[in-house]
Amino acid sequence: MSSNQIPQLNVLPETRDLALRLVADGKILKAVGLLHRATGAQRKDAKAYVEALRAEVLAQRVPVELEGKAIALVAEGKPVDATKLIVLNTDLNLKDGHRYMDALRSGRLAPRRPEGH
């Protein structure tokens, strides 16, 4: 499995919801442990799954229109400017802004479309 792929774990919806809440609360290691125990997956796969959940949580803090502008900057070959745009216009810190943009660029997080499109 490449680093851009999200592992396919057999996660019950309630387990996923609990892991998502743990990630939103910043309890990344607890979420990894939960998924490791609940699915029997290797820790590295549980961690990769949690990183995908983390990208989802970060995406909730970025307006769709801003995401579109950042994607356009990446398409112009300006990924640093895209990350700056996200960091300066949201409450994400630099590390989370980079993590979010990396998830978008790698395909681990699908771009969203504005309402009505």
N, C-alpha and C. Protein backbone atom coordinates (compact mmCIF):
# COMPACT_ATOMS: atom_id res chain seq x y z
N MET A 1 0.85 -1.18 0.00
CA MET A 1 0.00 0.00 0.00
C MET A 1 0.89 1.24 0.00
N SER A 2 0.61 2.18 -0.91
CA SER A 2 1.40 3.40 -0.96
C SER A 2 0.97 4.33 0.17
N SER A 3 1.80 5.34 0.43
CA SER A 3 1.50 6.27 1.52
C SER A 3 0.29 7.14 1.19
N ASN A 4 -0.14 7.16 -0.07
CA ASN A 4 -1.29 7.97 -0.46
C ASN A 4 -2.61 7.24 -0.28
N GLN A 5 -2.56 5.96 0.01
CA GLN A 5 -3.78 5.19 0.12
C GLN A 5 -4.24 5.09 1.57
N ILE A 6 -5.55 5.08 1.72
CA ILE A 6 -6.13 4.90 3.04
C ILE A 6 -6.37 3.40 3.20
N PRO A 7 -5.90 2.79 4.28
CA PRO A 7 -6.11 1.36 4.44
C PRO A 7 -7.58 1.03 4.56
N GLN A 8 -7.97 -0.06 3.97
CA GLN A 8 -9.35 -0.51 4.05
C GLN A 8 -9.51 -1.35 5.32
N LEU A 9 -9.98 -0.72 6.36
CA LEU A 9 -10.21 -1.43 7.62
C LEU A 9 -11.70 -1.71 7.76
N ASN A 10 -12.01 -2.81 8.39
CA ASN A 10 -13.41 -3.15 8.64
C ASN A 10 -13.83 -2.47 9.95
N VAL A 11 -14.25 -1.21 9.82
CA VAL A 11 -14.57 -0.38 10.98
C VAL A 11 -16.08 -0.20 11.09
N LEU A 12 -16.62 -0.57 12.23
CA LEU A 12 -18.05 -0.34 12.46
C LEU A 12 -18.33 1.16 12.51
N PRO A 13 -19.51 1.58 12.06
CA PRO A 13 -19.82 3.02 12.06
C PRO A 13 -19.66 3.68 13.42
N GLU A 14 -20.07 3.00 14.48
CA GLU A 14 -19.95 3.61 15.81
C GLU A 14 -18.49 3.72 16.24
N THR A 15 -17.64 2.80 15.82
CA THR A 15 -16.22 2.87 16.12
C THR A 15 -15.59 4.03 15.35
N ARG A 16 -15.98 4.18 14.08
CA ARG A 16 -15.47 5.28 13.27
C ARG A 16 -15.87 6.62 13.89
N ASP A 17 -17.13 6.71 14.33
CA ASP A 17 -17.61 7.96 14.94
C ASP A 17 -16.82 8.29 16.21
N LEU A 18 -16.56 7.26 17.03
CA LEU A 18 -15.79 7.48 18.25
C LEU A 18 -14.36 7.90 17.91
N ALA A 19 -13.76 7.25 16.93
CA ALA A 19 -12.40 7.60 16.51
C ALA A 19 -12.37 9.04 15.98
N LEU A 20 -13.39 9.41 15.22
CA LEU A 20 -13.47 10.77 14.67
C LEU A 20 -13.56 11.80 15.80
N ARG A 21 -14.34 11.49 16.83
CA ARG A 21 -14.45 12.40 17.98
C ARG A 21 -13.10 12.51 18.72
N LEU A 22 -12.43 11.37 18.87
CA LEU A 22 -11.12 11.40 19.53
C LEU A 22 -10.14 12.26 18.73
N VAL A 23 -10.14 12.11 17.42
CA VAL A 23 -9.26 12.92 16.57
C VAL A 23 -9.60 14.39 16.70
N ALA A 24 -10.88 14.71 16.67
CA ALA A 24 -11.31 16.11 16.80
C ALA A 24 -10.87 16.71 18.13
N ASP A 25 -10.78 15.85 19.15
CA ASP A 25 -10.33 16.31 20.48
C ASP A 25 -8.81 16.28 20.62
N GLY A 26 -8.12 15.92 19.54
CA GLY A 26 -6.66 15.89 19.58
C GLY A 26 -6.08 14.63 20.20
N LYS A 27 -6.88 13.62 20.40
CA LYS A 27 -6.44 12.38 21.04
C LYS A 27 -6.09 11.34 19.97
N ILE A 28 -5.05 11.66 19.21
CA ILE A 28 -4.66 10.86 18.05
C ILE A 28 -4.23 9.45 18.46
N LEU A 29 -3.38 9.35 19.47
CA LEU A 29 -2.89 8.03 19.88
C LEU A 29 -4.01 7.16 20.41
N LYS A 30 -4.97 7.75 21.10
CA LYS A 30 -6.12 6.98 21.59
C LYS A 30 -6.95 6.46 20.41
N ALA A 31 -7.09 7.29 19.38
CA ALA A 31 -7.85 6.87 18.19
C ALA A 31 -7.13 5.72 17.49
N VAL A 32 -5.81 5.81 17.38
CA VAL A 32 -5.03 4.72 16.76
C VAL A 32 -5.22 3.44 17.56
N GLY A 33 -5.08 3.53 18.88
CA GLY A 33 -5.25 2.36 19.74
C GLY A 33 -6.64 1.76 19.62
N LEU A 34 -7.66 2.61 19.58
CA LEU A 34 -9.03 2.14 19.43
C LEU A 34 -9.19 1.34 18.14
N LEU A 35 -8.71 1.89 17.04
CA LEU A 35 -8.87 1.21 15.75
C LEU A 35 -8.03 -0.06 15.69
N HIS A 36 -6.87 -0.03 16.28
CA HIS A 36 -6.01 -1.22 16.33
C HIS A 36 -6.74 -2.35 17.07
N ARG A 37 -7.29 -2.04 18.22
CA ARG A 37 -8.00 -3.05 19.01
C ARG A 37 -9.31 -3.49 18.36
N ALA A 38 -10.05 -2.53 17.83
CA ALA A 38 -11.39 -2.84 17.29
C ALA A 38 -11.33 -3.62 15.98
N THR A 39 -10.28 -3.42 15.20
CA THR A 39 -10.22 -4.05 13.88
C THR A 39 -9.18 -5.15 13.78
N GLY A 40 -8.24 -5.18 14.72
CA GLY A 40 -7.14 -6.14 14.63
C GLY A 40 -6.09 -5.73 13.60
N ALA A 41 -6.22 -4.52 13.07
CA ALA A 41 -5.28 -4.03 12.06
C ALA A 41 -3.92 -3.75 12.70
N GLN A 42 -2.89 -3.76 11.87
CA GLN A 42 -1.57 -3.36 12.35
C GLN A 42 -1.63 -1.90 12.75
N ARG A 43 -0.78 -1.52 13.69
CA ARG A 43 -0.78 -0.13 14.16
C ARG A 43 -0.49 0.86 13.04
N LYS A 44 0.38 0.52 12.11
CA LYS A 44 0.69 1.45 11.01
C LYS A 44 -0.54 1.68 10.14
N ASP A 45 -1.36 0.65 9.95
CA ASP A 45 -2.59 0.82 9.17
C ASP A 45 -3.62 1.62 9.96
N ALA A 46 -3.71 1.37 11.25
CA ALA A 46 -4.62 2.14 12.10
C ALA A 46 -4.20 3.61 12.10
N LYS A 47 -2.89 3.86 12.14
CA LYS A 47 -2.38 5.24 12.12
C LYS A 47 -2.71 5.93 10.80
N ALA A 48 -2.55 5.22 9.69
CA ALA A 48 -2.87 5.79 8.37
C ALA A 48 -4.36 6.11 8.28
N TYR A 49 -5.19 5.25 8.83
CA TYR A 49 -6.63 5.49 8.84
C TYR A 49 -6.95 6.73 9.68
N VAL A 50 -6.30 6.85 10.82
CA VAL A 50 -6.52 8.01 11.69
C VAL A 50 -6.04 9.29 11.01
N GLU A 51 -4.96 9.23 10.25
CA GLU A 51 -4.50 10.41 9.51
C GLU A 51 -5.57 10.85 8.50
N ALA A 52 -6.26 9.90 7.89
CA ALA A 52 -7.35 10.25 6.97
C ALA A 52 -8.50 10.91 7.74
N LEU A 53 -8.79 10.40 8.93
CA LEU A 53 -9.83 11.02 9.76
C LEU A 53 -9.40 12.42 10.16
N ARG A 54 -8.12 12.59 10.46
CA ARG A 54 -7.61 13.91 10.85
C ARG A 54 -7.80 14.90 9.70
N ALA A 55 -7.56 14.46 8.48
CA ALA A 55 -7.76 15.34 7.32
C ALA A 55 -9.23 15.73 7.21
N GLU A 56 -10.13 14.81 7.48
CA GLU A 56 -11.57 15.12 7.47
C GLU A 56 -11.91 16.19 8.50
N VAL A 57 -11.35 16.05 9.69
CA VAL A 57 -11.59 17.02 10.76
C VAL A 57 -11.06 18.39 10.36
N LEU A 58 -9.87 18.42 9.78
CA LEU A 58 -9.30 19.70 9.35
C LEU A 58 -10.14 20.32 8.25
N ALA A 59 -10.65 19.51 7.33
CA ALA A 59 -11.46 20.02 6.22
C ALA A 59 -12.73 20.71 6.73
N GLN A 60 -13.25 20.27 7.85
CA GLN A 60 -14.45 20.89 8.41
C GLN A 60 -14.18 22.33 8.85
N ARG A 61 -12.91 22.67 9.03
CA ARG A 61 -12.54 24.01 9.49
C ARG A 61 -12.14 24.93 8.34
N VAL A 62 -12.23 24.43 7.10
CA VAL A 62 -11.85 25.22 5.92
C VAL A 62 -13.08 25.42 5.05
N PRO A 63 -13.47 26.68 4.81
CA PRO A 63 -14.61 26.92 3.92
C PRO A 63 -14.35 26.35 2.53
N VAL A 64 -15.39 25.83 1.90
CA VAL A 64 -15.27 25.20 0.58
C VAL A 64 -14.67 26.16 -0.44
N GLU A 65 -15.09 27.42 -0.42
CA GLU A 65 -14.58 28.40 -1.39
C GLU A 65 -13.08 28.61 -1.22
N LEU A 66 -12.63 28.64 0.03
CA LEU A 66 -11.21 28.80 0.32
C LEU A 66 -10.42 27.59 -0.17
N GLU A 67 -10.99 26.42 0.02
CA GLU A 67 -10.37 25.20 -0.47
C GLU A 67 -10.19 25.26 -1.99
N GLY A 68 -11.20 25.74 -2.69
CA GLY A 68 -11.12 25.87 -4.14
C GLY A 68 -10.00 26.80 -4.57
N LYS A 69 -9.84 27.90 -3.85
CA LYS A 69 -8.76 28.84 -4.17
C LYS A 69 -7.40 28.20 -3.92
N ALA A 70 -7.30 27.43 -2.86
CA ALA A 70 -6.03 26.76 -2.54
C ALA A 70 -5.70 25.71 -3.61
N ILE A 71 -6.70 24.98 -4.05
CA ILE A 71 -6.48 23.97 -5.10
C ILE A 71 -6.02 24.65 -6.38
N ALA A 72 -6.60 25.80 -6.69
CA ALA A 72 -6.19 26.55 -7.89
C ALA A 72 -4.73 26.98 -7.78
N LEU A 73 -4.31 27.41 -6.60
CA LEU A 73 -2.91 27.79 -6.40
C LEU A 73 -1.98 26.59 -6.60
N VAL A 74 -2.38 25.45 -6.12
CA VAL A 74 -1.57 24.24 -6.31
C VAL A 74 -1.47 23.93 -7.80
N ALA A 75 -2.58 24.07 -8.52
CA ALA A 75 -2.58 23.81 -9.96
C ALA A 75 -1.65 24.77 -10.71
N GLU A 76 -1.47 25.96 -10.16
CA GLU A 76 -0.55 26.95 -10.74
C GLU A 76 0.90 26.70 -10.32
N GLY A 77 1.12 25.64 -9.55
CA GLY A 77 2.48 25.33 -9.09
C GLY A 77 2.89 26.13 -7.87
N LYS A 78 1.91 26.57 -7.07
CA LYS A 78 2.19 27.39 -5.90
C LYS A 78 1.67 26.73 -4.61
N PRO A 79 2.19 25.55 -4.27
CA PRO A 79 1.67 24.86 -3.08
C PRO A 79 1.96 25.60 -1.78
N VAL A 80 3.07 26.31 -1.71
CA VAL A 80 3.39 27.06 -0.49
C VAL A 80 2.37 28.19 -0.30
N ASP A 81 2.04 28.87 -1.40
CA ASP A 81 1.03 29.93 -1.33
C ASP A 81 -0.33 29.36 -0.93
N ALA A 82 -0.63 28.17 -1.39
CA ALA A 82 -1.90 27.53 -1.03
C ALA A 82 -1.96 27.27 0.47
N THR A 83 -0.88 26.75 1.02
CA THR A 83 -0.85 26.49 2.46
C THR A 83 -0.94 27.80 3.24
N LYS A 84 -0.23 28.83 2.79
CA LYS A 84 -0.31 30.14 3.45
C LYS A 84 -1.74 30.66 3.44
N LEU A 85 -2.41 30.54 2.30
CA LEU A 85 -3.79 31.00 2.18
C LEU A 85 -4.68 30.32 3.22
N ILE A 86 -4.52 29.02 3.36
CA ILE A 86 -5.32 28.27 4.33
C ILE A 86 -5.01 28.72 5.76
N VAL A 87 -3.73 28.84 6.08
CA VAL A 87 -3.33 29.19 7.45
C VAL A 87 -3.77 30.61 7.82
N LEU A 88 -3.63 31.54 6.88
CA LEU A 88 -3.97 32.94 7.17
C LEU A 88 -5.47 33.19 7.24
N ASN A 89 -6.27 32.30 6.66
CA ASN A 89 -7.71 32.54 6.59
C ASN A 89 -8.55 31.54 7.37
N THR A 90 -7.90 30.72 8.19
CA THR A 90 -8.61 29.78 9.06
C THR A 90 -7.94 29.78 10.42
N ASP A 91 -8.41 28.95 11.30
CA ASP A 91 -7.77 28.82 12.61
C ASP A 91 -6.74 27.68 12.63
N LEU A 92 -6.39 27.13 11.45
CA LEU A 92 -5.39 26.07 11.40
C LEU A 92 -4.00 26.66 11.60
N ASN A 93 -3.17 25.95 12.35
CA ASN A 93 -1.78 26.37 12.48
C ASN A 93 -1.01 25.89 11.25
N LEU A 94 0.24 26.25 11.15
CA LEU A 94 1.03 25.92 9.96
C LEU A 94 1.12 24.40 9.75
N LYS A 95 1.34 23.67 10.82
CA LYS A 95 1.47 22.22 10.69
C LYS A 95 0.17 21.60 10.19
N ASP A 96 -0.95 22.01 10.76
CA ASP A 96 -2.24 21.47 10.31
C ASP A 96 -2.60 21.96 8.91
N GLY A 97 -2.23 23.19 8.58
CA GLY A 97 -2.46 23.69 7.23
C GLY A 97 -1.70 22.86 6.21
N HIS A 98 -0.47 22.55 6.53
CA HIS A 98 0.34 21.70 5.64
C HIS A 98 -0.25 20.29 5.56
N ARG A 99 -0.65 19.75 6.69
CA ARG A 99 -1.24 18.40 6.73
C ARG A 99 -2.51 18.35 5.87
N TYR A 100 -3.33 19.38 5.99
CA TYR A 100 -4.56 19.46 5.21
C TYR A 100 -4.26 19.54 3.71
N MET A 101 -3.35 20.43 3.33
CA MET A 101 -3.01 20.58 1.91
C MET A 101 -2.35 19.32 1.37
N ASP A 102 -1.54 18.66 2.16
CA ASP A 102 -0.90 17.42 1.73
C ASP A 102 -1.95 16.34 1.48
N ALA A 103 -2.96 16.27 2.33
CA ALA A 103 -4.03 15.28 2.14
C ALA A 103 -4.81 15.57 0.86
N LEU A 104 -5.06 16.84 0.58
CA LEU A 104 -5.74 17.21 -0.67
C LEU A 104 -4.90 16.86 -1.88
N ARG A 105 -3.64 17.26 -1.85
CA ARG A 105 -2.75 17.06 -2.99
C ARG A 105 -2.49 15.59 -3.27
N SER A 106 -2.46 14.77 -2.23
CA SER A 106 -2.15 13.35 -2.41
C SER A 106 -3.38 12.52 -2.77
N GLY A 107 -4.56 13.12 -2.65
CA GLY A 107 -5.78 12.39 -2.95
C GLY A 107 -6.37 11.65 -1.76
N ARG A 108 -5.75 11.77 -0.57
CA ARG A 108 -6.32 11.14 0.62
C ARG A 108 -7.58 11.85 1.08
N LEU A 109 -7.75 13.08 0.63
CA LEU A 109 -8.94 13.88 0.95
C LEU A 109 -9.48 14.40 -0.36
N ALA A 110 -10.71 14.07 -0.64
CA ALA A 110 -11.33 14.51 -1.90
C ALA A 110 -11.73 15.98 -1.79
N PRO A 111 -11.46 16.76 -2.85
CA PRO A 111 -11.90 18.15 -2.84
C PRO A 111 -13.43 18.22 -2.77
N ARG A 112 -13.91 19.20 -2.05
CA ARG A 112 -15.35 19.39 -1.94
C ARG A 112 -15.81 20.38 -3.01
N ARG A 113 -17.08 20.34 -3.30
CA ARG A 113 -17.65 21.28 -4.27
C ARG A 113 -18.59 22.23 -3.53
N PRO A 114 -18.56 23.50 -3.91
CA PRO A 114 -19.49 24.46 -3.29
C PRO A 114 -20.93 24.02 -3.49
N GLU A 115 -21.79 24.40 -2.57
CA GLU A 115 -23.22 24.08 -2.65
C GLU A 115 -23.77 24.56 -3.99
N GLY A 116 -24.61 23.74 -4.61
CA GLY A 116 -25.26 24.14 -5.87
C GLY A 116 -24.44 23.84 -7.10
N HIS A 117 -23.26 23.22 -6.95
CA HIS A 117 -22.43 22.90 -8.11
C HIS A 117 -22.42 21.42 -8.37
